[in-house]
Amino acid sequence: MNKKRLIFVIWLVFFPLVTTGFLTLYRFFRGLEIGIEQMTPHFLAFMVTGAVASFIWYQIATMHK
């Protein structure tokens, strides 16, 4: 696997996680309650992006064998 694809996959996996973390901290310091309803879109986005990234990684890994 070349470096560009590796960086792209890492970005796909970690960007939603980092975004969710920053939004959670922002809401926490604003003093707002973090309910399940507020976190669900970010969690779903993280899950979908993670699934897509792992699928792409699997395709790349099997393609080079």
PDB file of N, CA and C in Angstrom:
ATOM      1  N   MET A   1       0.847  -1.193   0.000  1.00  0.00           N
ATOM      2  CA  MET A   1       0.000   0.000   0.000  1.00  0.00           C
ATOM      3  C   MET A   1       0.886   1.249   0.000  1.00  0.00           C
ATOM      4  N   ASN A   2       0.591   2.172  -0.898  1.00  0.00           N
ATOM      5  CA  ASN A   2       1.414   3.378  -0.925  1.00  0.00           C
ATOM      6  C   ASN A   2       0.967   4.368   0.148  1.00  0.00           C
ATOM      7  N   LYS A   3       1.796   5.379   0.374  1.00  0.00           N
ATOM      8  CA  LYS A   3       1.561   6.297   1.496  1.00  0.00           C
ATOM      9  C   LYS A   3       0.310   7.145   1.316  1.00  0.00           C
ATOM     10  N   LYS A   4       0.012   7.551   0.092  1.00  0.00           N
ATOM     11  CA  LYS A   4      -1.164   8.402  -0.122  1.00  0.00           C
ATOM     12  C   LYS A   4      -2.448   7.676   0.269  1.00  0.00           C
ATOM     13  N   ARG A   5      -2.555   6.409  -0.123  1.00  0.00           N
ATOM     14  CA  ARG A   5      -3.756   5.648   0.226  1.00  0.00           C
ATOM     15  C   ARG A   5      -3.827   5.409   1.720  1.00  0.00           C
ATOM     16  N   LEU A   6      -2.696   5.132   2.334  1.00  0.00           N
ATOM     17  CA  LEU A   6      -2.667   4.906   3.781  1.00  0.00           C
ATOM     18  C   LEU A   6      -3.121   6.158   4.523  1.00  0.00           C
ATOM     19  N   ILE A   7      -2.591   7.314   4.117  1.00  0.00           N
ATOM     20  CA  ILE A   7      -2.971   8.587   4.743  1.00  0.00           C
ATOM     21  C   ILE A   7      -4.461   8.854   4.525  1.00  0.00           C
ATOM     22  N   PHE A   8      -4.962   8.548   3.319  1.00  0.00           N
ATOM     23  CA  PHE A   8      -6.378   8.760   3.015  1.00  0.00           C
ATOM     24  C   PHE A   8      -7.269   7.905   3.908  1.00  0.00           C
ATOM     25  N   VAL A   9      -6.896   6.631   4.087  1.00  0.00           N
ATOM     26  CA  VAL A   9      -7.688   5.727   4.930  1.00  0.00           C
ATOM     27  C   VAL A   9      -7.642   6.179   6.386  1.00  0.00           C
ATOM     28  N   ILE A  10      -6.449   6.574   6.853  1.00  0.00           N
ATOM     29  CA  ILE A  10      -6.321   7.062   8.232  1.00  0.00           C
ATOM     30  C   ILE A  10      -7.177   8.314   8.422  1.00  0.00           C
ATOM     31  N   TRP A  11      -7.162   9.212   7.428  1.00  0.00           N
ATOM     32  CA  TRP A  11      -7.972  10.430   7.512  1.00  0.00           C
ATOM     33  C   TRP A  11      -9.449  10.088   7.553  1.00  0.00           C
ATOM     34  N   LEU A  12      -9.871   9.117   6.723  1.00  0.00           N
ATOM     35  CA  LEU A  12     -11.276   8.704   6.702  1.00  0.00           C
ATOM     36  C   LEU A  12     -11.717   8.170   8.054  1.00  0.00           C
ATOM     37  N   VAL A  13     -10.832   7.437   8.714  1.00  0.00           N
ATOM     38  CA  VAL A  13     -11.202   6.828   9.992  1.00  0.00           C
ATOM     39  C   VAL A  13     -11.174   7.852  11.117  1.00  0.00           C
ATOM     40  N   PHE A  14     -10.130   8.691  11.150  1.00  0.00           N
ATOM     41  CA  PHE A  14      -9.934   9.548  12.318  1.00  0.00           C
ATOM     42  C   PHE A  14     -10.651  10.892  12.247  1.00  0.00           C
ATOM     43  N   PHE A  15     -10.982  11.377  11.047  1.00  0.00           N
ATOM     44  CA  PHE A  15     -11.638  12.681  10.943  1.00  0.00           C
ATOM     45  C   PHE A  15     -12.982  12.733  11.675  1.00  0.00           C
ATOM     46  N   PRO A  16     -13.886  11.734  11.472  1.00  0.00           N
ATOM     47  CA  PRO A  16     -15.159  11.780  12.216  1.00  0.00           C
ATOM     48  C   PRO A  16     -14.952  11.644  13.721  1.00  0.00           C
ATOM     49  N   LEU A  17     -13.978  10.813  14.108  1.00  0.00           N
ATOM     50  CA  LEU A  17     -13.709  10.616  15.534  1.00  0.00           C
ATOM     51  C   LEU A  17     -13.239  11.915  16.172  1.00  0.00           C
ATOM     52  N   VAL A  18     -12.301  12.603  15.515  1.00  0.00           N
ATOM     53  CA  VAL A  18     -11.777  13.870  16.035  1.00  0.00           C
ATOM     54  C   VAL A  18     -12.879  14.927  16.063  1.00  0.00           C
ATOM     55  N   THR A  19     -13.671  14.982  14.987  1.00  0.00           N
ATOM     56  CA  THR A  19     -14.770  15.950  14.926  1.00  0.00           C
ATOM     57  C   THR A  19     -15.760  15.722  16.056  1.00  0.00           C
ATOM     58  N   THR A  20     -16.128  14.447  16.273  1.00  0.00           N
ATOM     59  CA  THR A  20     -17.064  14.116  17.348  1.00  0.00           C
ATOM     60  C   THR A  20     -16.479  14.492  18.695  1.00  0.00           C
ATOM     61  N   GLY A  21     -15.188  14.222  18.882  1.00  0.00           N
ATOM     62  CA  GLY A  21     -14.535  14.565  20.146  1.00  0.00           C
ATOM     63  C   GLY A  21     -14.550  16.061  20.407  1.00  0.00           C
ATOM     64  N   PHE A  22     -14.225  16.848  19.389  1.00  0.00           N
ATOM     65  CA  PHE A  22     -14.208  18.304  19.565  1.00  0.00           C
ATOM     66  C   PHE A  22     -15.609  18.849  19.821  1.00  0.00           C
ATOM     67  N   LEU A  23     -16.609  18.312  19.100  1.00  0.00           N
ATOM     68  CA  LEU A  23     -17.985  18.756  19.321  1.00  0.00           C
ATOM     69  C   LEU A  23     -18.450  18.405  20.728  1.00  0.00           C
ATOM     70  N   THR A  24     -18.051  17.219  21.198  1.00  0.00           N
ATOM     71  CA  THR A  24     -18.425  16.804  22.554  1.00  0.00           C
ATOM     72  C   THR A  24     -17.799  17.730  23.583  1.00  0.00           C
ATOM     73  N   LEU A  25     -16.508  18.025  23.426  1.00  0.00           N
ATOM     74  CA  LEU A  25     -15.826  18.934  24.356  1.00  0.00           C
ATOM     75  C   LEU A  25     -16.447  20.330  24.308  1.00  0.00           C
ATOM     76  N   TYR A  26     -16.761  20.793  23.100  1.00  0.00           N
ATOM     77  CA  TYR A  26     -17.363  22.120  22.940  1.00  0.00           C
ATOM     78  C   TYR A  26     -18.696  22.194  23.678  1.00  0.00           C
ATOM     79  N   ARG A  27     -19.527  21.181  23.483  1.00  0.00           N
ATOM     80  CA  ARG A  27     -20.828  21.165  24.146  1.00  0.00           C
ATOM     81  C   ARG A  27     -20.667  21.031  25.654  1.00  0.00           C
ATOM     82  N   PHE A  28     -19.671  20.236  26.071  1.00  0.00           N
ATOM     83  CA  PHE A  28     -19.451  20.036  27.506  1.00  0.00           C
ATOM     84  C   PHE A  28     -19.059  21.352  28.170  1.00  0.00           C
ATOM     85  N   PHE A  29     -18.138  22.082  27.527  1.00  0.00           N
ATOM     86  CA  PHE A  29     -17.676  23.339  28.117  1.00  0.00           C
ATOM     87  C   PHE A  29     -18.709  24.454  27.989  1.00  0.00           C
ATOM     88  N   ARG A  30     -19.621  24.337  27.040  1.00  0.00           N
ATOM     89  CA  ARG A  30     -20.719  25.295  26.937  1.00  0.00           C
ATOM     90  C   ARG A  30     -21.752  25.051  28.023  1.00  0.00           C
ATOM     91  N   GLY A  31     -21.681  23.876  28.658  1.00  0.00           N
ATOM     92  CA  GLY A  31     -22.608  23.560  29.730  1.00  0.00           C
ATOM     93  C   GLY A  31     -23.903  22.944  29.247  1.00  0.00           C
ATOM     94  N   LEU A  32     -23.940  22.536  27.984  1.00  0.00           N
ATOM     95  CA  LEU A  32     -25.148  21.905  27.457  1.00  0.00           C
ATOM     96  C   LEU A  32     -25.119  20.415  27.767  1.00  0.00           C
ATOM     97  N   GLU A  33     -26.277  19.854  27.972  1.00  0.00           N
ATOM     98  CA  GLU A  33     -26.350  18.414  28.210  1.00  0.00           C
ATOM     99  C   GLU A  33     -26.147  17.694  26.887  1.00  0.00           C
ATOM    100  N   ILE A  34     -25.314  16.657  26.932  1.00  0.00           N
ATOM    101  CA  ILE A  34     -25.083  15.866  25.730  1.00  0.00           C
ATOM    102  C   ILE A  34     -26.003  14.655  25.802  1.00  0.00           C
ATOM    103  N   GLY A  35     -27.082  14.713  25.051  1.00  0.00           N
ATOM    104  CA  GLY A  35     -28.021  13.604  25.038  1.00  0.00           C
ATOM    105  C   GLY A  35     -27.711  12.644  23.907  1.00  0.00           C
ATOM    106  N   ILE A  36     -28.359  11.491  23.964  1.00  0.00           N
ATOM    107  CA  ILE A  36     -28.192  10.503  22.902  1.00  0.00           C
ATOM    108  C   ILE A  36     -28.659  11.094  21.567  1.00  0.00           C
ATOM    109  N   GLU A  37     -29.712  11.897  21.622  1.00  0.00           N
ATOM    110  CA  GLU A  37     -30.260  12.475  20.393  1.00  0.00           C
ATOM    111  C   GLU A  37     -29.245  13.386  19.706  1.00  0.00           C
ATOM    112  N   GLN A  38     -28.462  14.108  20.510  1.00  0.00           N
ATOM    113  CA  GLN A  38     -27.481  15.028  19.924  1.00  0.00           C
ATOM    114  C   GLN A  38     -26.281  14.278  19.359  1.00  0.00           C
ATOM    115  N   MET A  39     -25.905  13.165  20.010  1.00  0.00           N
ATOM    116  CA  MET A  39     -24.696  12.462  19.601  1.00  0.00           C
ATOM    117  C   MET A  39     -24.946  11.454  18.488  1.00  0.00           C
ATOM    118  N   THR A  40     -26.205  11.054  18.274  1.00  0.00           N
ATOM    119  CA  THR A  40     -26.506  10.012  17.293  1.00  0.00           C
ATOM    120  C   THR A  40     -26.009  10.346  15.887  1.00  0.00           C
ATOM    121  N   PRO A  41     -26.225  11.564  15.353  1.00  0.00           N
ATOM    122  CA  PRO A  41     -25.726  11.839  13.992  1.00  0.00           C
ATOM    123  C   PRO A  41     -24.216  11.710  13.877  1.00  0.00           C
ATOM    124  N   HIS A  42     -23.489  12.176  14.880  1.00  0.00           N
ATOM    125  CA  HIS A  42     -22.031  12.093  14.833  1.00  0.00           C
ATOM    126  C   HIS A  42     -21.582  10.640  14.942  1.00  0.00           C
ATOM    127  N   PHE A  43     -22.245   9.875  15.807  1.00  0.00           N
ATOM    128  CA  PHE A  43     -21.899   8.465  15.970  1.00  0.00           C
ATOM    129  C   PHE A  43     -22.173   7.700  14.684  1.00  0.00           C
ATOM    130  N   LEU A  44     -23.331   7.971  14.062  1.00  0.00           N
ATOM    131  CA  LEU A  44     -23.669   7.304  12.804  1.00  0.00           C
ATOM    132  C   LEU A  44     -22.673   7.672  11.710  1.00  0.00           C
ATOM    133  N   ALA A  45     -22.292   8.955  11.657  1.00  0.00           N
ATOM    134  CA  ALA A  45     -21.314   9.388  10.657  1.00  0.00           C
ATOM    135  C   ALA A  45     -19.987   8.674  10.875  1.00  0.00           C
ATOM    136  N   PHE A  46     -19.582   8.527  12.141  1.00  0.00           N
ATOM    137  CA  PHE A  46     -18.341   7.832  12.462  1.00  0.00           C
ATOM    138  C   PHE A  46     -18.422   6.370  12.055  1.00  0.00           C
ATOM    139  N   MET A  47     -19.545   5.715  12.340  1.00  0.00           N
ATOM    140  CA  MET A  47     -19.705   4.300  12.011  1.00  0.00           C
ATOM    141  C   MET A  47     -19.681   4.084  10.502  1.00  0.00           C
ATOM    142  N   VAL A  48     -20.411   4.923   9.766  1.00  0.00           N
ATOM    143  CA  VAL A  48     -20.476   4.777   8.306  1.00  0.00           C
ATOM    144  C   VAL A  48     -19.104   5.019   7.688  1.00  0.00           C
ATOM    145  N   THR A  49     -18.432   6.077   8.135  1.00  0.00           N
ATOM    146  CA  THR A  49     -17.111   6.391   7.590  1.00  0.00           C
ATOM    147  C   THR A  49     -16.119   5.290   7.919  1.00  0.00           C
ATOM    148  N   GLY A  50     -16.191   4.760   9.136  1.00  0.00           N
ATOM    149  CA  GLY A  50     -15.310   3.658   9.523  1.00  0.00           C
ATOM    150  C   GLY A  50     -15.556   2.422   8.675  1.00  0.00           C
ATOM    151  N   ALA A  51     -16.821   2.127   8.408  1.00  0.00           N
ATOM    152  CA  ALA A  51     -17.155   0.964   7.587  1.00  0.00           C
ATOM    153  C   ALA A  51     -16.638   1.138   6.163  1.00  0.00           C
ATOM    154  N   VAL A  52     -16.822   2.326   5.601  1.00  0.00           N
ATOM    155  CA  VAL A  52     -16.342   2.601   4.242  1.00  0.00           C
ATOM    156  C   VAL A  52     -14.822   2.517   4.189  1.00  0.00           C
ATOM    157  N   ALA A  53     -14.159   3.089   5.191  1.00  0.00           N
ATOM    158  CA  ALA A  53     -12.697   3.077   5.213  1.00  0.00           C
ATOM    159  C   ALA A  53     -12.164   1.658   5.352  1.00  0.00           C
ATOM    160  N   SER A  54     -12.785   0.837   6.203  1.00  0.00           N
ATOM    161  CA  SER A  54     -12.314  -0.536   6.367  1.00  0.00           C
ATOM    162  C   SER A  54     -12.559  -1.341   5.093  1.00  0.00           C
ATOM    163  N   PHE A  55     -13.666  -1.062   4.402  1.00  0.00           N
ATOM    164  CA  PHE A  55     -13.942  -1.737   3.132  1.00  0.00           C
ATOM    165  C   PHE A  55     -12.892  -1.371   2.091  1.00  0.00           C
ATOM    166  N   ILE A  56     -12.568  -0.074   1.998  1.00  0.00           N
ATOM    167  CA  ILE A  56     -11.539   0.382   1.057  1.00  0.00           C
ATOM    168  C   ILE A  56     -10.199  -0.246   1.407  1.00  0.00           C
ATOM    169  N   TRP A  57      -9.874  -0.285   2.700  1.00  0.00           N
ATOM    170  CA  TRP A  57      -8.612  -0.877   3.144  1.00  0.00           C
ATOM    171  C   TRP A  57      -8.555  -2.354   2.775  1.00  0.00           C
ATOM    172  N   TYR A  58      -9.681  -3.063   2.948  1.00  0.00           N
ATOM    173  CA  TYR A  58      -9.744  -4.486   2.608  1.00  0.00           C
ATOM    174  C   TYR A  58      -9.547  -4.681   1.111  1.00  0.00           C
ATOM    175  N   GLN A  59     -10.165  -3.832   0.309  1.00  0.00           N
ATOM    176  CA  GLN A  59     -10.024  -3.923  -1.144  1.00  0.00           C
ATOM    177  C   GLN A  59      -8.572  -3.694  -1.562  1.00  0.00           C
ATOM    178  N   ILE A  60      -7.935  -2.688  -0.962  1.00  0.00           N
ATOM    179  CA  ILE A  60      -6.542  -2.381  -1.295  1.00  0.00           C
ATOM    180  C   ILE A  60      -5.634  -3.524  -0.862  1.00  0.00           C
ATOM    181  N   ALA A  61      -5.889  -4.073   0.341  1.00  0.00           N
ATOM    182  CA  ALA A  61      -5.040  -5.141   0.867  1.00  0.00           C
ATOM    183  C   ALA A  61      -5.155  -6.400   0.016  1.00  0.00           C
ATOM    184  N   THR A  62      -6.364  -6.732  -0.436  1.00  0.00           N
ATOM    185  CA  THR A  62      -6.536  -7.944  -1.236  1.00  0.00           C
ATOM    186  C   THR A  62      -6.079  -7.728  -2.670  1.00  0.00           C
ATOM    187  N   MET A  63      -6.105  -6.489  -3.144  1.00  0.00           N
ATOM    188  CA  MET A  63      -5.719  -6.193  -4.520  1.00  0.00           C
ATOM    189  C   MET A  63      -4.219  -6.398  -4.731  1.00  0.00           C
ATOM    190  N   HIS A  64      -3.418  -6.153  -3.687  1.00  0.00           N
ATOM    191  CA  HIS A  64      -1.962  -6.216  -3.840  1.00  0.00           C
ATOM    192  C   HIS A  64      -1.392  -7.601  -3.583  1.00  0.00           C
ATOM    193  N   LYS A  65      -2.259  -8.575  -3.274  1.00  0.00           N
ATOM    194  CA  LYS A  65      -1.737  -9.927  -3.028  1.00  0.00           C
ATOM    195  C   LYS A  65      -1.442 -10.640  -4.325  1.00  0.00           C
TER     196      LYS A  65
END
